[in-house]
C-alpha atoms as a PDB file:
ATOM      1  CA  MET A   1      27.624 -93.552 -30.913  1.00  0.00           C
ATOM      2  CA  PRO A   2      29.729 -96.193 -29.058  1.00  0.00           C
ATOM      3  CA  GLY A   3      28.346 -99.670 -28.482  1.00  0.00           C
ATOM      4  CA  ILE A   4      27.200-100.873 -25.084  1.00  0.00           C
ATOM      5  CA  ASP A   5      30.079-102.023 -22.896  1.00  0.00           C
ATOM      6  CA  LYS A   6      29.399-105.484 -21.495  1.00  0.00           C
ATOM      7  CA  ARG A   7      30.849-104.352 -18.188  1.00  0.00           C
ATOM      8  CA  MET A   8      28.195-101.639 -17.836  1.00  0.00           C
ATOM      9  CA  PRO A   9      25.405-102.233 -15.362  1.00  0.00           C
ATOM     10  CA  GLN A  10      22.356-103.622 -17.178  1.00  0.00           C
ATOM     11  CA  HIS A  11      20.024-101.585 -14.963  1.00  0.00           C
ATOM     12  CA  PRO A  12      21.620 -98.121 -14.621  1.00  0.00           C
ATOM     13  CA  PHE A  13      18.606 -96.593 -12.846  1.00  0.00           C
ATOM     14  CA  ILE A  14      17.993 -97.009  -9.146  1.00  0.00           C
ATOM     15  CA  LEU A  15      14.599 -95.335  -8.948  1.00  0.00           C
ATOM     16  CA  ASN A  16      13.454 -93.480  -5.892  1.00  0.00           C
ATOM     17  CA  SER A  17       9.886 -92.811  -4.862  1.00  0.00           C
ATOM     18  CA  CYS A  18       9.031 -90.268  -7.606  1.00  0.00           C
ATOM     19  CA  ARG A  19       5.604 -91.149  -8.975  1.00  0.00           C
ATOM     20  CA  THR A  20       6.551 -90.483 -12.579  1.00  0.00           C
ATOM     21  CA  ASN A  21       9.942 -92.220 -12.399  1.00  0.00           C
ATOM     22  CA  ASN A  22      11.440 -89.022 -13.780  1.00  0.00           C
ATOM     23  CA  CYS A  23      14.084 -88.842 -11.090  1.00  0.00           C
ATOM     24  CA  GLY A  24      16.261 -91.298  -9.245  1.00  0.00           C
ATOM     25  CA  VAL A  25      19.887 -92.407  -9.117  1.00  0.00           C
ATOM     26  CA  LEU A  26      22.380 -93.568 -11.727  1.00  0.00           C
ATOM     27  CA  GLN A  27      25.206 -95.901 -10.799  1.00  0.00           C
ATOM     28  CA  LEU A  28      28.365 -94.454 -12.414  1.00  0.00           C
ATOM     29  CA  GLY A  29      31.317 -96.549 -11.346  1.00  0.00           C
ATOM     30  CA  ASP A  30      31.297 -96.415  -7.551  1.00  0.00           C
ATOM     31  CA  ALA A  31      29.213 -93.233  -7.462  1.00  0.00           C
ATOM     32  CA  ALA A  32      25.435 -93.070  -6.992  1.00  0.00           C
ATOM     33  CA  VAL A  33      24.503 -89.957  -8.977  1.00  0.00           C
ATOM     34  CA  PRO A  34      21.060 -88.271  -8.855  1.00  0.00           C
ATOM     35  CA  PHE A  35      19.343 -87.871 -12.208  1.00  0.00           C
ATOM     36  CA  LYS A  36      16.305 -86.070 -13.595  1.00  0.00           C
ATOM     37  CA  LEU A  37      14.503 -87.103 -16.766  1.00  0.00           C
ATOM     38  CA  ARG A  38      13.117 -84.143 -18.681  1.00  0.00           C
ATOM     39  CA  ARG A  39      10.704 -84.819 -21.550  1.00  0.00           C
ATOM     40  CA  SER A  40       9.692 -82.232 -24.134  1.00  0.00           C
ATOM     41  CA  ARG A  41       7.357 -82.228 -27.105  1.00  0.00           C
ATOM     42  CA  ARG A  42       9.698 -79.867 -28.927  1.00  0.00           C
ATOM     43  CA  ARG A  43      12.775 -82.041 -28.509  1.00  0.00           C
ATOM     44  CA  ARG A  44      13.727 -84.431 -31.317  1.00  0.00           C
ATOM     45  CA  THR A  45      16.773 -86.256 -29.938  1.00  0.00           C
ATOM     46  CA  LEU A  46      18.047 -87.763 -26.697  1.00  0.00           C
ATOM     47  CA  GLY A  47      20.667 -85.802 -24.802  1.00  0.00           C
ATOM     48  CA  LEU A  48      22.545 -85.556 -21.503  1.00  0.00           C
ATOM     49  CA  THR A  49      23.709 -82.702 -19.287  1.00  0.00           C
ATOM     50  CA  VAL A  50      26.080 -83.236 -16.364  1.00  0.00           C
ATOM     51  CA  THR A  51      26.226 -80.696 -13.534  1.00  0.00           C
ATOM     52  CA  ALA A  52      28.090 -80.752 -10.227  1.00  0.00           C
ATOM     53  CA  ARG A  53      24.894 -82.026  -8.524  1.00  0.00           C
ATOM     54  CA  GLU A  54      23.108 -84.304 -11.001  1.00  0.00           C
ATOM     55  CA  VAL A  55      22.722 -85.795 -14.447  1.00  0.00           C
ATOM     56  CA  ARG A  56      19.893 -84.436 -16.596  1.00  0.00           C
ATOM     57  CA  ILE A  57      18.462 -86.703 -19.267  1.00  0.00           C
ATOM     58  CA  HIS A  58      16.641 -84.910 -22.079  1.00  0.00           C
ATOM     59  CA  ALA A  59      14.185 -86.853 -24.239  1.00  0.00           C
ATOM     60  CA  PRO A  60      11.311 -86.295 -26.673  1.00  0.00           C
ATOM     61  CA  SER A  61       7.975 -86.781 -24.908  1.00  0.00           C
ATOM     62  CA  TRP A  62       7.133 -89.911 -26.905  1.00  0.00           C
ATOM     63  CA  THR A  63      10.414 -91.814 -26.348  1.00  0.00           C
ATOM     64  CA  PRO A  64       9.871 -95.232 -24.644  1.00  0.00           C
ATOM     65  CA  ARG A  65      11.514 -95.728 -21.270  1.00  0.00           C
ATOM     66  CA  THR A  66      13.442 -98.743 -22.578  1.00  0.00           C
ATOM     67  CA  GLU A  67      15.007 -96.662 -25.352  1.00  0.00           C
ATOM     68  CA  ILE A  68      16.079 -94.007 -22.858  1.00  0.00           C
ATOM     69  CA  GLU A  69      17.678 -96.606 -20.580  1.00  0.00           C
ATOM     70  CA  CYS A  70      19.510 -98.145 -23.542  1.00  0.00           C
ATOM     71  CA  TYR A  71      20.836 -94.713 -24.512  1.00  0.00           C
ATOM     72  CA  VAL A  72      22.066 -94.016 -20.969  1.00  0.00           C
ATOM     73  CA  ARG A  73      23.830 -97.411 -20.844  1.00  0.00           C
ATOM     74  CA  GLN A  74      25.566 -96.596 -24.115  1.00  0.00           C
ATOM     75  CA  GLN A  75      26.770 -93.281 -22.675  1.00  0.00           C
ATOM     76  CA  HIS A  76      27.872 -94.770 -19.330  1.00  0.00           C
ATOM     77  CA  ASP A  77      31.610 -94.263 -19.885  1.00  0.00           C
ATOM     78  CA  TRP A  78      31.156 -90.657 -21.038  1.00  0.00           C
ATOM     79  CA  LEU A  79      28.841 -89.928 -18.107  1.00  0.00           C
ATOM     80  CA  HIS A  80      31.343 -91.427 -15.685  1.00  0.00           C
ATOM     81  CA  ARG A  81      34.185 -89.273 -17.066  1.00  0.00           C
ATOM     82  CA  ALA A  82      32.062 -86.112 -17.118  1.00  0.00           C
ATOM     83  CA  TRP A  83      30.823 -86.642 -13.554  1.00  0.00           C
ATOM     84  CA  THR A  84      34.363 -87.308 -12.337  1.00  0.00           C
ATOM     85  CA  ARG A  85      35.600 -84.099 -13.969  1.00  0.00           C
ATOM     86  CA  MET A  86      32.776 -82.081 -12.439  1.00  0.00           C
ATOM     87  CA  GLN A  87      33.500 -83.425  -8.957  1.00  0.00           C
ATOM     88  CA  ALA A  88      37.217 -82.772  -9.372  1.00  0.00           C
ATOM     89  CA  ARG A  89      36.508 -79.141 -10.243  1.00  0.00           C
ATOM     90  CA  ALA A  90      34.043 -78.510  -7.423  1.00  0.00           C
ATOM     91  CA  PRO A  91      36.665 -77.823  -4.665  1.00  0.00           C
ATOM     92  CA  GLN A  92      38.428 -75.317  -6.922  1.00  0.00           C
ATOM     93  CA  ALA A  93      35.768 -72.707  -6.161  1.00  0.00           C
ATOM     94  CA  VAL A  94      37.665 -71.710  -3.020  1.00  0.00           C
ATOM     95  CA  ALA A  95      41.146 -72.173  -4.472  1.00  0.00           C
ATOM     96  CA  ALA A  96      43.707 -69.391  -4.526  1.00  0.00           C
ATOM     97  CA  PRO A  97      43.549 -67.020  -7.513  1.00  0.00           C
ATOM     98  CA  VAL A  98      45.404 -68.268 -10.596  1.00  0.00           C
ATOM     99  CA  SER A  99      48.639 -66.542 -11.577  1.00  0.00           C
ATOM    100  CA  GLU A 100      48.504 -67.395 -15.272  1.00  0.00           C
ATOM    101  CA  VAL A 101      46.084 -68.239 -18.061  1.00  0.00           C
ATOM    102  CA  ARG A 102      46.331 -69.657 -21.561  1.00  0.00           C
ATOM    103  CA  TYR A 103      45.432 -67.961 -24.811  1.00  0.00           C
ATOM    104  CA  LEU A 104      45.640 -69.956 -28.055  1.00  0.00           C
ATOM    105  CA  GLY A 105      47.890 -72.421 -26.241  1.00  0.00           C
ATOM    106  CA  ARG A 106      50.297 -69.753 -25.048  1.00  0.00           C
ATOM    107  CA  THR A 107      50.817 -69.070 -21.344  1.00  0.00           C
ATOM    108  CA  LEU A 108      50.106 -65.515 -20.236  1.00  0.00           C
ATOM    109  CA  MET A 109      51.183 -64.338 -16.790  1.00  0.00           C
ATOM    110  CA  LEU A 110      48.554 -62.328 -14.924  1.00  0.00           C
ATOM    111  CA  ASP A 111      49.422 -58.840 -13.734  1.00  0.00           C
ATOM    112  CA  ILE A 112      46.464 -57.779 -11.563  1.00  0.00           C
ATOM    113  CA  ARG A 113      46.385 -54.134 -10.511  1.00  0.00           C
ATOM    114  CA  PRO A 114      43.845 -52.062  -8.533  1.00  0.00           C
ATOM    115  CA  SER A 115      42.210 -49.376 -10.641  1.00  0.00           C
ATOM    116  CA  LEU A 116      39.271 -47.005 -10.860  1.00  0.00           C
ATOM    117  CA  PHE A 117      38.140 -48.615 -14.122  1.00  0.00           C
ATOM    118  CA  GLY A 118      38.007 -52.244 -15.217  1.00  0.00           C
ATOM    119  CA  GLU A 119      40.205 -53.080 -18.201  1.00  0.00           C
ATOM    120  CA  VAL A 120      42.199 -56.034 -19.552  1.00  0.00           C
ATOM    121  CA  GLN A 121      45.206 -55.508 -21.821  1.00  0.00           C
ATOM    122  CA  ARG A 122      47.655 -57.971 -23.293  1.00  0.00           C
ATOM    123  CA  HIS A 123      51.330 -57.019 -23.327  1.00  0.00           C
ATOM    124  CA  GLY A 124      53.298 -59.826 -24.963  1.00  0.00           C
ATOM    125  CA  ASP A 125      53.191 -62.770 -22.553  1.00  0.00           C
ATOM    126  CA  THR A 126      51.468 -60.747 -19.824  1.00  0.00           C
ATOM    127  CA  LEU A 127      47.761 -60.134 -19.349  1.00  0.00           C
ATOM    128  CA  ARG A 128      47.350 -56.923 -17.363  1.00  0.00           C
ATOM    129  CA  VAL A 129      44.048 -56.782 -15.463  1.00  0.00           C
ATOM    130  CA  HIS A 130      42.930 -53.447 -14.004  1.00  0.00           C
ATOM    131  CA  VAL A 131      40.436 -54.280 -11.248  1.00  0.00           C
ATOM    132  CA  PRO A 132      38.159 -51.711  -9.551  1.00  0.00           C
ATOM    133  CA  HIS A 133      37.226 -52.129  -5.911  1.00  0.00           C
ATOM    134  CA  ASP A 134      34.649 -54.893  -5.263  1.00  0.00           C
ATOM    135  CA  THR A 135      35.121 -56.324  -8.767  1.00  0.00           C
ATOM    136  CA  ASP A 136      36.019 -59.950  -9.501  1.00  0.00           C
ATOM    137  CA  ALA A 137      39.218 -60.166 -11.544  1.00  0.00           C
ATOM    138  CA  ARG A 138      38.097 -63.541 -12.923  1.00  0.00           C
ATOM    139  CA  ALA A 139      34.947 -61.960 -14.333  1.00  0.00           C
ATOM    140  CA  LEU A 140      37.055 -59.399 -16.210  1.00  0.00           C
ATOM    141  CA  ILE A 141      39.328 -62.138 -17.549  1.00  0.00           C
ATOM    142  CA  ARG A 142      36.362 -64.252 -18.674  1.00  0.00           C
ATOM    143  CA  ALA A 143      34.851 -61.233 -20.433  1.00  0.00           C
ATOM    144  CA  TRP A 144      38.171 -60.675 -22.228  1.00  0.00           C
ATOM    145  CA  PHE A 145      38.226 -64.300 -23.395  1.00  0.00           C
ATOM    146  CA  HIS A 146      34.558 -64.147 -24.403  1.00  0.00           C
ATOM    147  CA  ALA A 147      35.095 -61.067 -26.590  1.00  0.00           C
ATOM    148  CA  ARG A 148      37.952 -62.736 -28.454  1.00  0.00           C
ATOM    149  CA  ALA A 149      36.091 -66.022 -28.761  1.00  0.00           C
ATOM    150  CA  GLU A 150      33.231 -64.346 -30.652  1.00  0.00           C
ATOM    151  CA  ARG A 151      35.483 -63.321 -33.522  1.00  0.00           C
ATOM    152  CA  LEU A 152      38.063 -66.082 -33.466  1.00  0.00           C
ATOM    153  CA  LEU A 153      35.743 -69.096 -33.229  1.00  0.00           C
ATOM    154  CA  ALA A 154      33.423 -67.687 -35.895  1.00  0.00           C
ATOM    155  CA  TRP A 155      36.450 -67.225 -38.172  1.00  0.00           C
ATOM    156  CA  ARG A 156      37.692 -70.816 -37.749  1.00  0.00           C
ATOM    157  CA  LEU A 157      34.173 -72.206 -38.169  1.00  0.00           C
ATOM    158  CA  ALA A 158      33.697 -70.253 -41.408  1.00  0.00           C
ATOM    159  CA  ARG A 159      37.034 -71.528 -42.694  1.00  0.00           C
ATOM    160  CA  PHE A 160      35.988 -75.166 -42.341  1.00  0.00           C
ATOM    161  CA  ALA A 161      32.450 -74.448 -43.521  1.00  0.00           C
ATOM    162  CA  ARG A 162      33.900 -73.333 -46.865  1.00  0.00           C
ATOM    163  CA  LYS A 163      35.881 -76.560 -47.034  1.00  0.00           C
ATOM    164  CA  LEU A 164      32.761 -78.608 -46.267  1.00  0.00           C
ATOM    165  CA  GLY A 165      30.564 -76.630 -48.635  1.00  0.00           C
ATOM    166  CA  ARG A 166      27.902 -76.191 -45.957  1.00  0.00           C
ATOM    167  CA  ALA A 167      27.465 -73.526 -43.291  1.00  0.00           C
ATOM    168  CA  PRO A 168      25.568 -73.533 -39.975  1.00  0.00           C
ATOM    169  CA  SER A 169      22.214 -71.782 -39.993  1.00  0.00           C
ATOM    170  CA  ARG A 170      23.258 -70.023 -36.796  1.00  0.00           C
ATOM    171  CA  PHE A 171      26.381 -69.727 -34.648  1.00  0.00           C
ATOM    172  CA  ALA A 172      26.644 -68.771 -30.979  1.00  0.00           C
ATOM    173  CA  LEU A 173      29.018 -69.161 -28.066  1.00  0.00           C
ATOM    174  CA  SER A 174      28.387 -71.720 -25.355  1.00  0.00           C
ATOM    175  CA  ASN A 175      29.122 -71.681 -21.633  1.00  0.00           C
ATOM    176  CA  ALA A 176      28.653 -75.439 -21.204  1.00  0.00           C
ATOM    177  CA  GLN A 177      30.524 -77.129 -18.357  1.00  0.00           C
ATOM    178  CA  THR A 178      31.221 -80.455 -20.070  1.00  0.00           C
ATOM    179  CA  GLN A 179      30.974 -79.932 -23.845  1.00  0.00           C
ATOM    180  CA  TRP A 180      33.180 -78.078 -26.302  1.00  0.00           C
ATOM    181  CA  GLY A 181      30.493 -77.790 -28.952  1.00  0.00           C
ATOM    182  CA  SER A 182      27.043 -78.813 -30.129  1.00  0.00           C
ATOM    183  CA  CYS A 183      25.022 -78.966 -33.337  1.00  0.00           C
ATOM    184  CA  THR A 184      21.234 -79.225 -33.591  1.00  0.00           C
ATOM    185  CA  ARG A 185      19.049 -80.705 -36.312  1.00  0.00           C
ATOM    186  CA  ARG A 186      18.335 -77.165 -37.473  1.00  0.00           C
ATOM    187  CA  GLY A 187      22.021 -76.586 -38.085  1.00  0.00           C
ATOM    188  CA  HIS A 188      22.615 -74.345 -35.066  1.00  0.00           C
ATOM    189  CA  ILE A 189      26.222 -74.684 -33.902  1.00  0.00           C
ATOM    190  CA  ARG A 190      27.543 -73.535 -30.532  1.00  0.00           C
ATOM    191  CA  LEU A 191      31.218 -73.533 -29.518  1.00  0.00           C
ATOM    192  CA  ASN A 192      32.464 -73.109 -25.959  1.00  0.00           C
ATOM    193  CA  TRP A 193      34.158 -69.727 -25.446  1.00  0.00           C
ATOM    194  CA  ARG A 194      36.844 -71.412 -23.320  1.00  0.00           C
ATOM    195  CA  LEU A 195      38.278 -72.939 -26.508  1.00  0.00           C
ATOM    196  CA  VAL A 196      40.246 -69.712 -27.101  1.00  0.00           C
ATOM    197  CA  GLN A 197      42.640 -70.947 -24.429  1.00  0.00           C
ATOM    198  CA  ALA A 198      43.563 -73.981 -26.564  1.00  0.00           C
ATOM    199  CA  PRO A 199      45.981 -74.074 -29.501  1.00  0.00           C
ATOM    200  CA  LEU A 200      44.457 -73.251 -32.883  1.00  0.00           C
ATOM    201  CA  THR A 201      44.805 -76.885 -33.999  1.00  0.00           C
ATOM    202  CA  LEU A 202      42.430 -78.019 -31.254  1.00  0.00           C
ATOM    203  CA  ILE A 203      39.949 -75.233 -31.990  1.00  0.00           C
ATOM    204  CA  ASP A 204      39.963 -76.397 -35.605  1.00  0.00           C
ATOM    205  CA  TYR A 205      39.229 -79.980 -34.540  1.00  0.00           C
ATOM    206  CA  VAL A 206      36.126 -78.917 -32.585  1.00  0.00           C
ATOM    207  CA  ALA A 207      34.964 -76.729 -35.480  1.00  0.00           C
ATOM    208  CA  ALA A 208      35.374 -79.636 -37.918  1.00  0.00           C
ATOM    209  CA  HIS A 209      33.627 -82.013 -35.512  1.00  0.00           C
ATOM    210  CA  GLU A 210      30.527 -79.849 -35.150  1.00  0.00           C
ATOM    211  CA  LEU A 211      30.368 -78.978 -38.856  1.00  0.00           C
ATOM    212  CA  ALA A 212      30.488 -82.680 -39.719  1.00  0.00           C
ATOM    213  CA  HIS A 213      27.219 -83.006 -37.785  1.00  0.00           C
ATOM    214  CA  LEU A 214      25.577 -80.902 -40.496  1.00  0.00           C
ATOM    215  CA  VAL A 215      26.050 -83.958 -42.724  1.00  0.00           C
ATOM    216  CA  HIS A 216      25.722 -86.777 -40.158  1.00  0.00           C
ATOM    217  CA  LEU A 217      23.883 -85.962 -36.907  1.00  0.00           C
ATOM    218  CA  ASP A 218      25.365 -88.949 -35.073  1.00  0.00           C
ATOM    219  CA  HIS A 219      28.759 -90.482 -34.279  1.00  0.00           C
ATOM    220  CA  SER A 220      28.649 -93.210 -36.899  1.00  0.00           C
ATOM    221  CA  PRO A 221      31.676 -94.322 -38.972  1.00  0.00           C
ATOM    222  CA  ARG A 222      30.424 -92.048 -41.770  1.00  0.00           C
ATOM    223  CA  PHE A 223      30.489 -89.113 -39.362  1.00  0.00           C
ATOM    224  CA  TRP A 224      34.076 -89.778 -38.308  1.00  0.00           C
ATOM    225  CA  ALA A 225      35.069 -90.177 -41.963  1.00  0.00           C
ATOM    226  CA  GLN A 226      33.641 -86.713 -42.602  1.00  0.00           C
ATOM    227  CA  VAL A 227      35.560 -85.273 -39.630  1.00  0.00           C
ATOM    228  CA  ALA A 228      38.764 -86.877 -40.954  1.00  0.00           C
ATOM    229  CA  ALA A 229      38.142 -85.348 -44.385  1.00  0.00           C
ATOM    230  CA  LEU A 230      38.027 -81.898 -42.775  1.00  0.00           C
ATOM    231  CA  CYS A 231      40.726 -82.552 -40.158  1.00  0.00           C
ATOM    232  CA  PRO A 232      42.992 -85.524 -41.099  1.00  0.00           C
ATOM    233  CA  ASP A 233      44.599 -85.935 -37.640  1.00  0.00           C
ATOM    234  CA  ALA A 234      41.313 -85.432 -35.772  1.00  0.00           C
ATOM    235  CA  LEU A 235      41.749 -88.379 -33.392  1.00  0.00           C
ATOM    236  CA  ALA A 236      45.154 -87.144 -32.199  1.00  0.00           C
ATOM    237  CA  ARG A 237      43.762 -83.644 -31.672  1.00  0.00           C
ATOM    238  CA  ARG A 238      40.746 -85.091 -29.854  1.00  0.00           C
ATOM    239  CA  ALA A 239      43.049 -86.970 -27.454  1.00  0.00           C
ATOM    240  CA  GLU A 240      45.136 -83.839 -26.842  1.00  0.00           C
ATOM    241  CA  LEU A 241      42.036 -81.779 -26.070  1.00  0.00           C
ATOM    242  CA  ARG A 242      40.823 -84.385 -23.587  1.00  0.00           C
ATOM    243  CA  THR A 243      44.204 -84.285 -21.837  1.00  0.00           C
ATOM    244  CA  MET A 244      44.097 -80.526 -21.265  1.00  0.00           C
ATOM    245  CA  SER A 245      40.320 -80.123 -20.791  1.00  0.00           C
ATOM    246  CA  HIS A 246      40.509 -79.932 -16.992  1.00  0.00           C
ATOM    247  CA  SER A 247      42.911 -76.973 -17.020  1.00  0.00           C
ATOM    248  CA  LEU A 248      40.876 -75.083 -19.627  1.00  0.00           C
ATOM    249  CA  PHE A 249      37.781 -75.150 -17.408  1.00  0.00           C
ATOM    250  CA  GLN A 250      39.579 -73.444 -14.512  1.00  0.00           C
ATOM    251  CA  VAL A 251      38.784 -69.959 -15.844  1.00  0.00           C
END
């Protein structure tokens, strides 16, 4: 986990009138962002979720307030980036339909046709979408991606699991809006279905990243050494994924 930036605000919470202090405002750059603190007896680690409307802070029920605030300060830069991305995507909801999509890094032109039955077929560099009346073409395209993600992401994860010598206790797809993957203390790994749009090298980086959490459930130097052992050019792939992340979340 990155160290605290000295430029970060020392008091990130601007609390409102909530009696329990479980909601208020976070100062992220120039933005005042609403937050909600959610405590749970079942939770074992601190975590963050960023939506288009707020930041959600997840914490075990016994975690001291000071520890939570320290954690949020440490994650300030990530929160700022995630919030900025979410706000940048918000206006796209009313944007014109896309004319192309990506699959494994390759651009596919969309050929959308009216039809009695919904179906998506790939023909070389064209993705033909047969759309019945009153059906959302995007929903059909997402379903097509989702079906391929189930097999493809599981395959790449298994490939690196053999290299690591450890396998997740469970694998599932994720529909997260800000994360490409996650790994729990129980060894449950989730990968975002949208990854099938990215080149295979970037999918492999995310798979290696989450599998490394089976050994080190943090972002310590030992964790990154494990990622590098599985994926030697991980940092370059990480930077490339960050560069294209915005476009991959358009679907």
